Amino acid sequence: MLFNHPEKKLEIYHQQQLQHTANLDYVEDKTWIKQLLYDASQQTIYGLFSTRDGTRIKIIDAITGLATSIGEVEIATYQIEKAIIHNQHLYYLQSERLNGQNKGLMKWKLAVP
């Protein structure tokens, strides 16, 4: 599987042969912060998007390339560092200020359909 962001395409290969392509609808979204996260335990891909009130998390369909919102963390994007997703939980370091002081490990349960 290849996320070909310059071409706005998701490409799926099998034994070096292209098997499937899909358009990536989120690439031109100006709120996308150019970060994808993979939950290996669930084999699911997520994208992070900046909003006025926090950070929106969208699940990326690995067949259609469509991004669907599954929730929003009410934390500013600049406050989220080193994010990972495991077993449908978002883990990240949260800083209280722009200078990154007083970081804490946070956990947030994703509302996955």
PDB file of N, CA and C in Angstrom:
ATOM      1  N   MET A   1       0.845  -1.162   0.000  1.00  0.00           N
ATOM      2  CA  MET A   1       0.000   0.000   0.000  1.00  0.00           C
ATOM      3  C   MET A   1       0.900   1.237   0.000  1.00  0.00           C
ATOM      4  N   LEU A   2       0.609   2.159  -0.906  1.00  0.00           N
ATOM      5  CA  LEU A   2       1.396   3.372  -1.029  1.00  0.00           C
ATOM      6  C   LEU A   2       0.465   4.577  -1.019  1.00  0.00           C
ATOM      7  N   PHE A   3       0.710   5.494  -0.096  1.00  0.00           N
ATOM      8  CA  PHE A   3      -0.018   6.760  -0.061  1.00  0.00           C
ATOM      9  C   PHE A   3       0.762   7.743  -0.914  1.00  0.00           C
ATOM     10  N   ASN A   4       0.354   7.895  -2.153  1.00  0.00           N
ATOM     11  CA  ASN A   4       1.024   8.759  -3.109  1.00  0.00           C
ATOM     12  C   ASN A   4       0.391  10.152  -3.007  1.00  0.00           C
ATOM     13  N   HIS A   5       0.806  10.909  -1.996  1.00  0.00           N
ATOM     14  CA  HIS A   5       0.202  12.212  -1.742  1.00  0.00           C
ATOM     15  C   HIS A   5       0.418  13.216  -2.871  1.00  0.00           C
ATOM     16  N   PRO A   6       1.586  13.278  -3.521  1.00  0.00           N
ATOM     17  CA  PRO A   6       1.728  14.229  -4.632  1.00  0.00           C
ATOM     18  C   PRO A   6       0.714  13.991  -5.754  1.00  0.00           C
ATOM     19  N   GLU A   7       0.382  12.728  -5.997  1.00  0.00           N
ATOM     20  CA  GLU A   7      -0.590  12.391  -7.040  1.00  0.00           C
ATOM     21  C   GLU A   7      -2.012  12.265  -6.489  1.00  0.00           C
ATOM     22  N   LYS A   8      -2.159  12.414  -5.156  1.00  0.00           N
ATOM     23  CA  LYS A   8      -3.460  12.293  -4.477  1.00  0.00           C
ATOM     24  C   LYS A   8      -4.104  10.923  -4.705  1.00  0.00           C
ATOM     25  N   LYS A   9      -3.272   9.885  -4.678  1.00  0.00           N
ATOM     26  CA  LYS A   9      -3.734   8.526  -4.946  1.00  0.00           C
ATOM     27  C   LYS A   9      -3.275   7.557  -3.862  1.00  0.00           C
ATOM     28  N   LEU A  10      -4.139   6.612  -3.564  1.00  0.00           N
ATOM     29  CA  LEU A  10      -3.777   5.449  -2.759  1.00  0.00           C
ATOM     30  C   LEU A  10      -3.539   4.321  -3.756  1.00  0.00           C
ATOM     31  N   GLU A  11      -2.378   3.700  -3.670  1.00  0.00           N
ATOM     32  CA  GLU A  11      -2.024   2.636  -4.605  1.00  0.00           C
ATOM     33  C   GLU A  11      -1.773   1.351  -3.828  1.00  0.00           C
ATOM     34  N   ILE A  12      -2.425   0.291  -4.254  1.00  0.00           N
ATOM     35  CA  ILE A  12      -2.254  -1.004  -3.601  1.00  0.00           C
ATOM     36  C   ILE A  12      -1.563  -1.942  -4.582  1.00  0.00           C
ATOM     37  N   TYR A  13      -0.454  -2.510  -4.122  1.00  0.00           N
ATOM     38  CA  TYR A  13       0.360  -3.388  -4.948  1.00  0.00           C
ATOM     39  C   TYR A  13       0.353  -4.807  -4.376  1.00  0.00           C
ATOM     40  N   HIS A  14       0.502  -5.772  -5.259  1.00  0.00           N
ATOM     41  CA  HIS A  14       0.691  -7.162  -4.859  1.00  0.00           C
ATOM     42  C   HIS A  14       1.794  -7.721  -5.749  1.00  0.00           C
ATOM     43  N   GLN A  15       2.866  -8.178  -5.148  1.00  0.00           N
ATOM     44  CA  GLN A  15       4.031  -8.697  -5.864  1.00  0.00           C
ATOM     45  C   GLN A  15       4.496  -7.707  -6.934  1.00  0.00           C
ATOM     46  N   GLN A  16       4.620  -6.474  -6.539  1.00  0.00           N
ATOM     47  CA  GLN A  16       5.123  -5.369  -7.364  1.00  0.00           C
ATOM     48  C   GLN A  16       4.211  -5.007  -8.538  1.00  0.00           C
ATOM     49  N   GLN A  17       3.013  -5.503  -8.546  1.00  0.00           N
ATOM     50  CA  GLN A  17       2.042  -5.174  -9.592  1.00  0.00           C
ATOM     51  C   GLN A  17       0.929  -4.327  -8.983  1.00  0.00           C
ATOM     52  N   LEU A  18       0.609  -3.211  -9.626  1.00  0.00           N
ATOM     53  CA  LEU A  18      -0.468  -2.348  -9.164  1.00  0.00           C
ATOM     54  C   LEU A  18      -1.796  -3.078  -9.310  1.00  0.00           C
ATOM     55  N   GLN A  19      -2.520  -3.215  -8.190  1.00  0.00           N
ATOM     56  CA  GLN A  19      -3.792  -3.938  -8.188  1.00  0.00           C
ATOM     57  C   GLN A  19      -5.003  -3.006  -8.092  1.00  0.00           C
ATOM     58  N   HIS A  20      -4.812  -1.873  -7.398  1.00  0.00           N
ATOM     59  CA  HIS A  20      -5.961  -1.004  -7.121  1.00  0.00           C
ATOM     60  C   HIS A  20      -5.471   0.419  -6.861  1.00  0.00           C
ATOM     61  N   THR A  21      -6.239   1.405  -7.318  1.00  0.00           N
ATOM     62  CA  THR A  21      -5.971   2.798  -6.970  1.00  0.00           C
ATOM     63  C   THR A  21      -7.266   3.447  -6.503  1.00  0.00           C
ATOM     64  N   ALA A  22      -7.122   4.444  -5.649  1.00  0.00           N
ATOM     65  CA  ALA A  22      -8.263   5.224  -5.169  1.00  0.00           C
ATOM     66  C   ALA A  22      -7.788   6.654  -4.940  1.00  0.00           C
ATOM     67  N   ASN A  23      -8.693   7.600  -5.114  1.00  0.00           N
ATOM     68  CA  ASN A  23      -8.380   9.001  -4.853  1.00  0.00           C
ATOM     69  C   ASN A  23      -8.335   9.252  -3.352  1.00  0.00           C
ATOM     70  N   LEU A  24      -7.353  10.034  -2.916  1.00  0.00           N
ATOM     71  CA  LEU A  24      -7.260  10.439  -1.507  1.00  0.00           C
ATOM     72  C   LEU A  24      -7.958  11.787  -1.366  1.00  0.00           C
ATOM     73  N   ASP A  25      -9.113  11.807  -0.719  1.00  0.00           N
ATOM     74  CA  ASP A  25      -9.911  13.025  -0.644  1.00  0.00           C
ATOM     75  C   ASP A  25      -9.383  14.055   0.349  1.00  0.00           C
ATOM     76  N   TYR A  26      -8.536  13.656   1.272  1.00  0.00           N
ATOM     77  CA  TYR A  26      -8.105  14.561   2.334  1.00  0.00           C
ATOM     78  C   TYR A  26      -6.858  15.380   1.977  1.00  0.00           C
ATOM     79  N   VAL A  27      -6.174  15.038   0.911  1.00  0.00           N
ATOM     80  CA  VAL A  27      -4.876  15.656   0.591  1.00  0.00           C
ATOM     81  C   VAL A  27      -4.996  17.170   0.393  1.00  0.00           C
ATOM     82  N   GLU A  28      -6.072  17.633  -0.218  1.00  0.00           N
ATOM     83  CA  GLU A  28      -6.240  19.069  -0.450  1.00  0.00           C
ATOM     84  C   GLU A  28      -6.910  19.794   0.710  1.00  0.00           C
ATOM     85  N   ASP A  29      -7.288  19.060   1.752  1.00  0.00           N
ATOM     86  CA  ASP A  29      -7.900  19.679   2.934  1.00  0.00           C
ATOM     87  C   ASP A  29      -6.831  20.488   3.666  1.00  0.00           C
ATOM     88  N   LYS A  30      -7.021  21.794   3.736  1.00  0.00           N
ATOM     89  CA  LYS A  30      -6.013  22.679   4.343  1.00  0.00           C
ATOM     90  C   LYS A  30      -5.852  22.450   5.842  1.00  0.00           C
ATOM     91  N   THR A  31      -6.778  21.739   6.468  1.00  0.00           N
ATOM     92  CA  THR A  31      -6.660  21.465   7.899  1.00  0.00           C
ATOM     93  C   THR A  31      -5.843  20.212   8.201  1.00  0.00           C
ATOM     94  N   TRP A  32      -5.559  19.404   7.167  1.00  0.00           N
ATOM     95  CA  TRP A  32      -4.747  18.203   7.382  1.00  0.00           C
ATOM     96  C   TRP A  32      -3.341  18.628   7.770  1.00  0.00           C
ATOM     97  N   ILE A  33      -2.817  18.074   8.855  1.00  0.00           N
ATOM     98  CA  ILE A  33      -1.488  18.488   9.338  1.00  0.00           C
ATOM     99  C   ILE A  33      -0.378  17.579   8.806  1.00  0.00           C
ATOM    100  N   LYS A  34      -0.661  16.917   7.705  1.00  0.00           N
ATOM    101  CA  LYS A  34       0.330  16.083   6.997  1.00  0.00           C
ATOM    102  C   LYS A  34       0.869  14.959   7.873  1.00  0.00           C
ATOM    103  N   GLN A  35      -0.044  14.358   8.638  1.00  0.00           N
ATOM    104  CA  GLN A  35       0.370  13.260   9.504  1.00  0.00           C
ATOM    105  C   GLN A  35      -0.660  12.137   9.438  1.00  0.00           C
ATOM    106  N   LEU A  36      -0.171  10.918   9.196  1.00  0.00           N
ATOM    107  CA  LEU A  36      -0.991   9.717   9.253  1.00  0.00           C
ATOM    108  C   LEU A  36      -0.471   8.836  10.377  1.00  0.00           C
ATOM    109  N   LEU A  37      -1.387   8.154  11.040  1.00  0.00           N
ATOM    110  CA  LEU A  37      -1.035   7.231  12.114  1.00  0.00           C
ATOM    111  C   LEU A  37      -1.622   5.867  11.786  1.00  0.00           C
ATOM    112  N   TYR A  38      -0.877   4.817  12.100  1.00  0.00           N
ATOM    113  CA  TYR A  38      -1.317   3.450  11.807  1.00  0.00           C
ATOM    114  C   TYR A  38      -1.475   2.676  13.101  1.00  0.00           C
ATOM    115  N   ASP A  39      -2.661   2.098  13.299  1.00  0.00           N
ATOM    116  CA  ASP A  39      -2.924   1.239  14.447  1.00  0.00           C
ATOM    117  C   ASP A  39      -2.694  -0.199  13.981  1.00  0.00           C
ATOM    118  N   ALA A  40      -1.510  -0.722  14.254  1.00  0.00           N
ATOM    119  CA  ALA A  40      -1.145  -2.060  13.790  1.00  0.00           C
ATOM    120  C   ALA A  40      -2.043  -3.135  14.401  1.00  0.00           C
ATOM    121  N   SER A  41      -2.507  -2.920  15.631  1.00  0.00           N
ATOM    122  CA  SER A  41      -3.345  -3.927  16.286  1.00  0.00           C
ATOM    123  C   SER A  41      -4.703  -4.060  15.605  1.00  0.00           C
ATOM    124  N   GLN A  42      -5.182  -2.982  14.989  1.00  0.00           N
ATOM    125  CA  GLN A  42      -6.478  -2.992  14.308  1.00  0.00           C
ATOM    126  C   GLN A  42      -6.348  -2.887  12.786  1.00  0.00           C
ATOM    127  N   GLN A  43      -5.119  -2.706  12.302  1.00  0.00           N
ATOM    128  CA  GLN A  43      -4.826  -2.507  10.881  1.00  0.00           C
ATOM    129  C   GLN A  43      -5.686  -1.374  10.298  1.00  0.00           C
ATOM    130  N   THR A  44      -5.635  -0.229  10.982  1.00  0.00           N
ATOM    131  CA  THR A  44      -6.436   0.935  10.615  1.00  0.00           C
ATOM    132  C   THR A  44      -5.540   2.152  10.503  1.00  0.00           C
ATOM    133  N   ILE A  45      -5.870   3.036   9.551  1.00  0.00           N
ATOM    134  CA  ILE A  45      -5.083   4.235   9.288  1.00  0.00           C
ATOM    135  C   ILE A  45      -5.904   5.458   9.665  1.00  0.00           C
ATOM    136  N   TYR A  46      -5.243   6.421  10.297  1.00  0.00           N
ATOM    137  CA  TYR A  46      -5.899   7.648  10.745  1.00  0.00           C
ATOM    138  C   TYR A  46      -5.120   8.866  10.264  1.00  0.00           C
ATOM    139  N   GLY A  47      -5.836   9.965  10.072  1.00  0.00           N
ATOM    140  CA  GLY A  47      -5.229  11.244   9.755  1.00  0.00           C
ATOM    141  C   GLY A  47      -5.566  12.258  10.831  1.00  0.00           C
ATOM    142  N   LEU A  48      -4.664  13.204  11.057  1.00  0.00           N
ATOM    143  CA  LEU A  48      -4.880  14.262  12.037  1.00  0.00           C
ATOM    144  C   LEU A  48      -5.124  15.582  11.315  1.00  0.00           C
ATOM    145  N   PHE A  49      -6.122  16.334  11.780  1.00  0.00           N
ATOM    146  CA  PHE A  49      -6.541  17.578  11.160  1.00  0.00           C
ATOM    147  C   PHE A  49      -6.704  18.651  12.238  1.00  0.00           C
ATOM    148  N   SER A  50      -6.260  19.843  11.944  1.00  0.00           N
ATOM    149  CA  SER A  50      -6.351  20.959  12.881  1.00  0.00           C
ATOM    150  C   SER A  50      -7.727  21.613  12.761  1.00  0.00           C
ATOM    151  N   THR A  51      -8.318  21.939  13.897  1.00  0.00           N
ATOM    152  CA  THR A  51      -9.598  22.652  13.914  1.00  0.00           C
ATOM    153  C   THR A  51      -9.469  23.856  14.834  1.00  0.00           C
ATOM    154  N   ARG A  52     -10.488  24.661  14.841  1.00  0.00           N
ATOM    155  CA  ARG A  52     -10.495  25.839  15.712  1.00  0.00           C
ATOM    156  C   ARG A  52     -10.434  25.445  17.191  1.00  0.00           C
ATOM    157  N   ASP A  53     -11.079  24.330  17.536  1.00  0.00           N
ATOM    158  CA  ASP A  53     -11.180  23.925  18.938  1.00  0.00           C
ATOM    159  C   ASP A  53     -10.268  22.779  19.346  1.00  0.00           C
ATOM    160  N   GLY A  54      -9.473  22.251  18.410  1.00  0.00           N
ATOM    161  CA  GLY A  54      -8.621  21.131  18.776  1.00  0.00           C
ATOM    162  C   GLY A  54      -8.061  20.402  17.585  1.00  0.00           C
ATOM    163  N   THR A  55      -8.006  19.087  17.702  1.00  0.00           N
ATOM    164  CA  THR A  55      -7.463  18.240  16.654  1.00  0.00           C
ATOM    165  C   THR A  55      -8.501  17.187  16.288  1.00  0.00           C
ATOM    166  N   ARG A  56      -8.904  17.166  15.043  1.00  0.00           N
ATOM    167  CA  ARG A  56      -9.879  16.182  14.565  1.00  0.00           C
ATOM    168  C   ARG A  56      -9.128  14.955  14.070  1.00  0.00           C
ATOM    169  N   ILE A  57      -9.692  13.788  14.359  1.00  0.00           N
ATOM    170  CA  ILE A  57      -9.121  12.524  13.931  1.00  0.00           C
ATOM    171  C   ILE A  57     -10.077  11.903  12.917  1.00  0.00           C
ATOM    172  N   LYS A  58      -9.511  11.531  11.763  1.00  0.00           N
ATOM    173  CA  LYS A  58     -10.321  10.895  10.732  1.00  0.00           C
ATOM    174  C   LYS A  58      -9.736   9.533  10.408  1.00  0.00           C
ATOM    175  N   ILE A  59     -10.619   8.576  10.202  1.00  0.00           N
ATOM    176  CA  ILE A  59     -10.199   7.253   9.784  1.00  0.00           C
ATOM    177  C   ILE A  59     -10.101   7.263   8.252  1.00  0.00           C
ATOM    178  N   ILE A  60      -9.026   6.693   7.723  1.00  0.00           N
ATOM    179  CA  ILE A  60      -8.797   6.658   6.286  1.00  0.00           C
ATOM    180  C   ILE A  60      -9.129   5.251   5.784  1.00  0.00           C
ATOM    181  N   ASP A  61     -10.111   5.159   4.904  1.00  0.00           N
ATOM    182  CA  ASP A  61     -10.508   3.870   4.341  1.00  0.00           C
ATOM    183  C   ASP A  61      -9.419   3.394   3.382  1.00  0.00           C
ATOM    184  N   ALA A  62      -8.860   2.220   3.644  1.00  0.00           N
ATOM    185  CA  ALA A  62      -7.731   1.706   2.860  1.00  0.00           C
ATOM    186  C   ALA A  62      -8.146   1.171   1.496  1.00  0.00           C
ATOM    187  N   ILE A  63      -9.427   1.173   1.184  1.00  0.00           N
ATOM    188  CA  ILE A  63      -9.892   0.750  -0.139  1.00  0.00           C
ATOM    189  C   ILE A  63     -10.341   1.956  -0.963  1.00  0.00           C
ATOM    190  N   THR A  64     -11.150   2.833  -0.344  1.00  0.00           N
ATOM    191  CA  THR A  64     -11.704   3.961  -1.093  1.00  0.00           C
ATOM    192  C   THR A  64     -10.855   5.222  -1.012  1.00  0.00           C
ATOM    193  N   GLY A  65      -9.994   5.334   0.026  1.00  0.00           N
ATOM    194  CA  GLY A  65      -9.193   6.536   0.222  1.00  0.00           C
ATOM    195  C   GLY A  65      -9.942   7.666   0.903  1.00  0.00           C
ATOM    196  N   LEU A  66     -11.196   7.442   1.273  1.00  0.00           N
ATOM    197  CA  LEU A  66     -12.000   8.487   1.908  1.00  0.00           C
ATOM    198  C   LEU A  66     -11.670   8.628   3.385  1.00  0.00           C
ATOM    199  N   ALA A  67     -11.702   9.866   3.857  1.00  0.00           N
ATOM    200  CA  ALA A  67     -11.441  10.163   5.270  1.00  0.00           C
ATOM    201  C   ALA A  67     -12.761  10.506   5.950  1.00  0.00           C
ATOM    202  N   THR A  68     -13.059   9.824   7.061  1.00  0.00           N
ATOM    203  CA  THR A  68     -14.293  10.033   7.802  1.00  0.00           C
ATOM    204  C   THR A  68     -13.963  10.405   9.236  1.00  0.00           C
ATOM    205  N   SER A  69     -14.539  11.508   9.707  1.00  0.00           N
ATOM    206  CA  SER A  69     -14.272  11.970  11.065  1.00  0.00           C
ATOM    207  C   SER A  69     -14.828  10.992  12.089  1.00  0.00           C
ATOM    208  N   ILE A  70     -14.015  10.696  13.115  1.00  0.00           N
ATOM    209  CA  ILE A  70     -14.473   9.814  14.191  1.00  0.00           C
ATOM    210  C   ILE A  70     -14.390  10.498  15.543  1.00  0.00           C
ATOM    211  N   GLY A  71     -13.992  11.756  15.558  1.00  0.00           N
ATOM    212  CA  GLY A  71     -13.947  12.460  16.827  1.00  0.00           C
ATOM    213  C   GLY A  71     -12.945  13.588  16.829  1.00  0.00           C
ATOM    214  N   GLU A  72     -12.987  14.340  17.908  1.00  0.00           N
ATOM    215  CA  GLU A  72     -12.105  15.484  18.039  1.00  0.00           C
ATOM    216  C   GLU A  72     -11.567  15.564  19.462  1.00  0.00           C
ATOM    217  N   VAL A  73     -10.252  15.712  19.557  1.00  0.00           N
ATOM    218  CA  VAL A  73      -9.598  15.921  20.844  1.00  0.00           C
ATOM    219  C   VAL A  73      -9.545  17.425  21.059  1.00  0.00           C
ATOM    220  N   GLU A  74     -10.034  17.903  22.177  1.00  0.00           N
ATOM    221  CA  GLU A  74     -10.074  19.341  22.424  1.00  0.00           C
ATOM    222  C   GLU A  74      -8.732  19.861  22.917  1.00  0.00           C
ATOM    223  N   ILE A  75      -7.700  19.535  22.158  1.00  0.00           N
ATOM    224  CA  ILE A  75      -6.344  19.976  22.443  1.00  0.00           C
ATOM    225  C   ILE A  75      -5.798  20.573  21.156  1.00  0.00           C
ATOM    226  N   ALA A  76      -5.165  21.728  21.249  1.00  0.00           N
ATOM    227  CA  ALA A  76      -4.596  22.373  20.062  1.00  0.00           C
ATOM    228  C   ALA A  76      -3.538  21.474  19.438  1.00  0.00           C
ATOM    229  N   THR A  77      -3.463  21.502  18.117  1.00  0.00           N
ATOM    230  CA  THR A  77      -2.523  20.647  17.393  1.00  0.00           C
ATOM    231  C   THR A  77      -1.090  20.841  17.864  1.00  0.00           C
ATOM    232  N   TYR A  78      -0.690  22.082  18.162  1.00  0.00           N
ATOM    233  CA  TYR A  78       0.698  22.317  18.592  1.00  0.00           C
ATOM    234  C   TYR A  78       0.995  21.676  19.938  1.00  0.00           C
ATOM    235  N   GLN A  79      -0.031  21.297  20.683  1.00  0.00           N
ATOM    236  CA  GLN A  79       0.178  20.679  21.991  1.00  0.00           C
ATOM    237  C   GLN A  79       0.333  19.164  21.914  1.00  0.00           C
ATOM    238  N   ILE A  80       0.098  18.574  20.746  1.00  0.00           N
ATOM    239  CA  ILE A  80       0.193  17.125  20.588  1.00  0.00           C
ATOM    240  C   ILE A  80       1.534  16.774  19.951  1.00  0.00           C
ATOM    241  N   GLU A  81       2.295  15.958  20.671  1.00  0.00           N
ATOM    242  CA  GLU A  81       3.601  15.520  20.169  1.00  0.00           C
ATOM    243  C   GLU A  81       3.677  14.004  20.226  1.00  0.00           C
ATOM    244  N   LYS A  82       4.433  13.429  19.314  1.00  0.00           N
ATOM    245  CA  LYS A  82       4.750  12.000  19.299  1.00  0.00           C
ATOM    246  C   LYS A  82       3.501  11.134  19.448  1.00  0.00           C
ATOM    247  N   ALA A  83       2.508  11.422  18.643  1.00  0.00           N
ATOM    248  CA  ALA A  83       1.250  10.683  18.708  1.00  0.00           C
ATOM    249  C   ALA A  83       1.398   9.295  18.094  1.00  0.00           C
ATOM    250  N   ILE A  84       0.763   8.326  18.748  1.00  0.00           N
ATOM    251  CA  ILE A  84       0.641   6.972  18.212  1.00  0.00           C
ATOM    252  C   ILE A  84      -0.776   6.493  18.512  1.00  0.00           C
ATOM    253  N   ILE A  85      -1.226   5.523  17.735  1.00  0.00           N
ATOM    254  CA  ILE A  85      -2.517   4.897  17.998  1.00  0.00           C
ATOM    255  C   ILE A  85      -2.276   3.411  18.163  1.00  0.00           C
ATOM    256  N   HIS A  86      -2.828   2.866  19.241  1.00  0.00           N
ATOM    257  CA  HIS A  86      -2.727   1.431  19.503  1.00  0.00           C
ATOM    258  C   HIS A  86      -4.037   0.957  20.113  1.00  0.00           C
ATOM    259  N   ASN A  87      -4.576  -0.094  19.523  1.00  0.00           N
ATOM    260  CA  ASN A  87      -5.794  -0.715  20.035  1.00  0.00           C
ATOM    261  C   ASN A  87      -6.920   0.307  20.225  1.00  0.00           C
ATOM    262  N   GLN A  88      -7.099   1.165  19.227  1.00  0.00           N
ATOM    263  CA  GLN A  88      -8.145   2.180  19.175  1.00  0.00           C
ATOM    264  C   GLN A  88      -8.024   3.241  20.278  1.00  0.00           C
ATOM    265  N   HIS A  89      -6.798   3.482  20.752  1.00  0.00           N
ATOM    266  CA  HIS A  89      -6.523   4.556  21.707  1.00  0.00           C
ATOM    267  C   HIS A  89      -5.426   5.450  21.136  1.00  0.00           C
ATOM    268  N   LEU A  90      -5.637   6.741  21.233  1.00  0.00           N
ATOM    269  CA  LEU A  90      -4.625   7.723  20.835  1.00  0.00           C
ATOM    270  C   LEU A  90      -3.788   8.041  22.063  1.00  0.00           C
ATOM    271  N   TYR A  91      -2.482   7.874  21.937  1.00  0.00           N
ATOM    272  CA  TYR A  91      -1.531   8.235  22.990  1.00  0.00           C
ATOM    273  C   TYR A  91      -0.679   9.381  22.451  1.00  0.00           C
ATOM    274  N   TYR A  92      -0.438  10.378  23.263  1.00  0.00           N
ATOM    275  CA  TYR A  92       0.378  11.502  22.813  1.00  0.00           C
ATOM    276  C   TYR A  92       0.939  12.246  24.015  1.00  0.00           C
ATOM    277  N   LEU A  93       2.033  12.961  23.751  1.00  0.00           N
ATOM    278  CA  LEU A  93       2.569  13.859  24.755  1.00  0.00           C
ATOM    279  C   LEU A  93       1.892  15.203  24.569  1.00  0.00           C
ATOM    280  N   GLN A  94       1.403  15.756  25.662  1.00  0.00           N
ATOM    281  CA  GLN A  94       0.742  17.055  25.614  1.00  0.00           C
ATOM    282  C   GLN A  94       1.561  18.058  26.405  1.00  0.00           C
ATOM    283  N   SER A  95       1.855  19.186  25.760  1.00  0.00           N
ATOM    284  CA  SER A  95       2.555  20.254  26.463  1.00  0.00           C
ATOM    285  C   SER A  95       1.539  21.345  26.801  1.00  0.00           C
ATOM    286  N   GLU A  96       1.780  22.031  27.887  1.00  0.00           N
ATOM    287  CA  GLU A  96       0.842  23.060  28.339  1.00  0.00           C
ATOM    288  C   GLU A  96       1.062  24.391  27.644  1.00  0.00           C
ATOM    289  N   ARG A  97       2.245  24.627  27.132  1.00  0.00           N
ATOM    290  CA  ARG A  97       2.569  25.918  26.528  1.00  0.00           C
ATOM    291  C   ARG A  97       3.271  25.708  25.194  1.00  0.00           C
ATOM    292  N   LEU A  98       3.395  26.777  24.449  1.00  0.00           N
ATOM    293  CA  LEU A  98       4.089  26.716  23.164  1.00  0.00           C
ATOM    294  C   LEU A  98       5.552  26.320  23.315  1.00  0.00           C
ATOM    295  N   ASN A  99       6.173  26.635  24.470  1.00  0.00           N
ATOM    296  CA  ASN A  99       7.580  26.311  24.658  1.00  0.00           C
ATOM    297  C   ASN A  99       7.803  24.847  25.045  1.00  0.00           C
ATOM    298  N   GLY A 100       6.721  24.084  25.216  1.00  0.00           N
ATOM    299  CA  GLY A 100       6.849  22.649  25.439  1.00  0.00           C
ATOM    300  C   GLY A 100       7.166  22.230  26.853  1.00  0.00           C
ATOM    301  N   GLN A 101       7.006  23.094  27.816  1.00  0.00           N
ATOM    302  CA  GLN A 101       7.279  22.728  29.209  1.00  0.00           C
ATOM    303  C   GLN A 101       6.130  21.891  29.766  1.00  0.00           C
ATOM    304  N   ASN A 102       6.429  21.132  30.818  1.00  0.00           N
ATOM    305  CA  ASN A 102       5.427  20.360  31.556  1.00  0.00           C
ATOM    306  C   ASN A 102       4.628  19.413  30.663  1.00  0.00           C
ATOM    307  N   LYS A 103       5.309  18.488  30.018  1.00  0.00           N
ATOM    308  CA  LYS A 103       4.644  17.519  29.152  1.00  0.00           C
ATOM    309  C   LYS A 103       4.069  16.375  29.974  1.00  0.00           C
ATOM    310  N   GLY A 104       2.949  15.833  29.498  1.00  0.00           N
ATOM    311  CA  GLY A 104       2.342  14.682  30.135  1.00  0.00           C
ATOM    312  C   GLY A 104       1.846  13.699  29.095  1.00  0.00           C
ATOM    313  N   LEU A 105       1.884  12.410  29.422  1.00  0.00           N
ATOM    314  CA  LEU A 105       1.383  11.382  28.513  1.00  0.00           C
ATOM    315  C   LEU A 105      -0.129  11.311  28.655  1.00  0.00           C
ATOM    316  N   MET A 106      -0.827  11.427  27.531  1.00  0.00           N
ATOM    317  CA  MET A 106      -2.279  11.431  27.526  1.00  0.00           C
ATOM    318  C   MET A 106      -2.802  10.233  26.732  1.00  0.00           C
ATOM    319  N   LYS A 107      -4.016   9.823  27.057  1.00  0.00           N
ATOM    320  CA  LYS A 107      -4.659   8.695  26.382  1.00  0.00           C
ATOM    321  C   LYS A 107      -6.100   9.090  26.078  1.00  0.00           C
ATOM    322  N   TRP A 108      -6.528   8.795  24.856  1.00  0.00           N
ATOM    323  CA  TRP A 108      -7.891   9.144  24.446  1.00  0.00           C
ATOM    324  C   TRP A 108      -8.467   7.982  23.648  1.00  0.00           C
ATOM    325  N   LYS A 109      -9.650   7.497  24.039  1.00  0.00           N
ATOM    326  CA  LYS A 109     -10.323   6.377  23.360  1.00  0.00           C
ATOM    327  C   LYS A 109     -10.970   6.895  22.086  1.00  0.00           C
ATOM    328  N   LEU A 110     -10.657   6.248  20.967  1.00  0.00           N
ATOM    329  CA  LEU A 110     -11.247   6.624  19.688  1.00  0.00           C
ATOM    330  C   LEU A 110     -12.651   6.043  19.564  1.00  0.00           C
ATOM    331  N   ALA A 111     -13.549   6.805  18.989  1.00  0.00           N
ATOM    332  CA  ALA A 111     -14.926   6.358  18.771  1.00  0.00           C
ATOM    333  C   ALA A 111     -15.009   5.716  17.392  1.00  0.00           C
ATOM    334  N   VAL A 112     -14.418   4.548  17.257  1.00  0.00           N
ATOM    335  CA  VAL A 112     -14.346   3.871  15.959  1.00  0.00           C
ATOM    336  C   VAL A 112     -15.660   3.139  15.709  1.00  0.00           C
ATOM    337  N   PRO A 113     -16.244   3.324  14.511  1.00  0.00           N
ATOM    338  CA  PRO A 113     -17.522   2.632  14.218  1.00  0.00           C
ATOM    339  C   PRO A 113     -17.342   1.145  14.069  1.00  0.00           C
TER     340      PRO A 113
END
